[in-house]
């Protein structure tokens, strides 16, 4: 996990804009999580979340479900890939492997 970061220019991908609208998540909520949230680096992506303790410490209200919001970014492209709300998301993210597995096709077949 890393500390909060500020992003001068970060855009939303087309997929992220569609998901925001479908899930009823505001742009303000995404911006808040990106600016004040904690980051988890996994699978060449960065998952941002805002813990309840941090929300209370900052004096924010959790009426928009900020504590359950996860924002996934790819900072190489400087864009938000997608976002979703889930109560157990942080636990699942931490269990993910750090790197994507690369299966080598030659290793699957036995040579005689």
Protein backbone atom coordinates (compact mmCIF):
# COMPACT_ATOMS: atom_id res chain seq x y z
CA UNK A 1 0.00 0.00 0.00
CA UNK A 2 1.09 3.50 -0.65
CA UNK A 3 0.11 6.88 0.63
CA UNK A 4 -2.37 9.19 -1.08
CA UNK A 5 -1.33 10.79 -4.30
CA UNK A 6 -2.48 13.70 -6.39
CA UNK A 7 -3.14 13.35 -10.07
CA UNK A 8 -2.89 16.49 -12.22
CA UNK A 9 -4.59 15.01 -15.28
CA UNK A 10 -6.41 11.70 -15.12
CA UNK A 11 -9.20 10.87 -17.52
CA UNK A 12 -11.97 8.30 -17.58
CA UNK A 13 -11.93 5.55 -20.19
CA UNK A 14 -15.10 4.91 -22.17
CA UNK A 15 -15.68 1.75 -20.12
CA UNK A 16 -15.29 3.71 -16.85
CA UNK A 17 -17.80 6.37 -17.96
CA UNK A 18 -20.35 3.67 -18.82
CA UNK A 19 -19.82 1.88 -15.49
CA UNK A 20 -20.08 5.13 -13.51
CA UNK A 21 -23.46 5.80 -15.08
CA UNK A 22 -24.69 2.20 -14.66
CA UNK A 23 -23.64 2.00 -11.02
CA UNK A 24 -24.71 5.50 -9.97
CA UNK A 25 -21.24 6.64 -8.94
CA UNK A 26 -20.46 10.35 -9.17
CA UNK A 27 -17.32 11.88 -10.64
CA UNK A 28 -16.82 13.68 -7.33
CA UNK A 29 -16.67 10.36 -5.45
CA UNK A 30 -14.06 9.00 -7.88
CA UNK A 31 -11.98 12.16 -7.53
CA UNK A 32 -12.18 11.97 -3.72
CA UNK A 33 -11.01 8.34 -3.66
CA UNK A 34 -8.15 9.11 -6.06
CA UNK A 35 -6.98 12.13 -4.06
CA UNK A 36 -7.35 10.82 -0.50
CA UNK A 37 -7.47 7.03 -0.83
CA UNK A 38 -4.88 4.33 -0.34
CA UNK A 39 -3.36 2.54 -3.32
CA UNK A 40 -2.69 -1.15 -3.81
CA UNK A 41 -0.41 -2.07 -6.70
CA UNK A 42 -1.40 -5.40 -8.24
CA UNK A 43 -1.31 -6.91 -11.73
CA UNK A 44 0.07 -3.78 -13.43
CA UNK A 45 -2.92 -1.80 -12.14
CA UNK A 46 -3.46 0.46 -9.15
CA UNK A 47 -6.54 -0.14 -6.99
CA UNK A 48 -7.59 2.86 -4.89
CA UNK A 49 -9.89 2.59 -1.87
CA UNK A 50 -10.83 4.87 1.02
CA UNK A 51 -11.10 3.13 4.43
CA UNK A 52 -13.87 4.17 6.85
CA UNK A 53 -11.36 5.29 9.46
CA UNK A 54 -9.75 7.64 6.98
CA UNK A 55 -13.15 9.05 5.96
CA UNK A 56 -13.95 9.88 9.59
CA UNK A 57 -10.48 11.29 10.17
CA UNK A 58 -10.87 13.62 7.16
CA UNK A 59 -14.30 14.78 8.26
CA UNK A 60 -16.09 13.43 5.18
CA UNK A 61 -19.50 11.78 5.17
CA UNK A 62 -19.90 8.23 3.88
CA UNK A 63 -23.36 8.77 2.43
CA UNK A 64 -22.14 8.12 -1.13
CA UNK A 65 -20.61 4.79 -0.12
CA UNK A 66 -17.04 6.05 -0.36
CA UNK A 67 -15.77 3.29 1.94
CA UNK A 68 -16.96 0.60 -0.49
CA UNK A 69 -15.80 2.32 -3.69
CA UNK A 70 -12.82 0.88 -5.54
CA UNK A 71 -11.27 2.83 -8.43
CA UNK A 72 -8.95 0.93 -10.77
CA UNK A 73 -6.42 2.98 -12.71
CA UNK A 74 -3.64 2.40 -15.17
CA UNK A 75 -1.26 5.26 -14.58
CA UNK A 76 0.83 4.54 -17.64
CA UNK A 77 -2.14 5.69 -19.72
CA UNK A 78 -3.26 8.11 -16.98
CA UNK A 79 -6.84 6.95 -17.00
CA UNK A 80 -9.42 5.31 -14.77
CA UNK A 81 -10.10 1.84 -16.14
CA UNK A 82 -13.22 1.08 -14.10
CA UNK A 83 -14.74 1.43 -10.64
CA UNK A 84 -17.19 -0.51 -8.52
CA UNK A 85 -18.60 -0.76 -5.00
CA UNK A 86 -18.03 -3.82 -2.85
CA UNK A 87 -17.71 -4.34 0.88
CA UNK A 88 -15.12 -7.12 0.59
CA UNK A 89 -13.17 -5.71 -2.34
CA UNK A 90 -10.00 -4.80 -0.44
CA UNK A 91 -9.67 -8.33 0.94
CA UNK A 92 -10.07 -9.81 -2.55
CA UNK A 93 -7.61 -7.37 -4.08
CA UNK A 94 -4.96 -8.21 -1.49
CA UNK A 95 -5.30 -11.93 -2.32
CA UNK A 96 -4.60 -11.36 -6.02
CA UNK A 97 -1.16 -12.35 -7.24
CA UNK A 98 1.18 -9.44 -7.82
CA UNK A 99 1.83 -10.39 -11.41
CA UNK A 100 -0.38 -11.88 -14.07
CA UNK A 101 0.55 -15.46 -14.75
CA UNK A 102 2.11 -16.16 -18.08
CA UNK A 103 1.58 -19.69 -19.26
CA UNK A 104 4.10 -20.95 -21.70
CA UNK A 105 2.46 -23.10 -24.36
CA UNK A 106 5.55 -25.28 -24.81
CA UNK A 107 5.42 -26.37 -21.15
CA UNK A 108 1.91 -27.74 -21.44
CA UNK A 109 2.78 -30.44 -23.94
CA UNK A 110 5.11 -33.30 -23.27
CA UNK A 111 7.73 -33.99 -25.87
CA UNK A 112 8.40 -37.63 -26.67
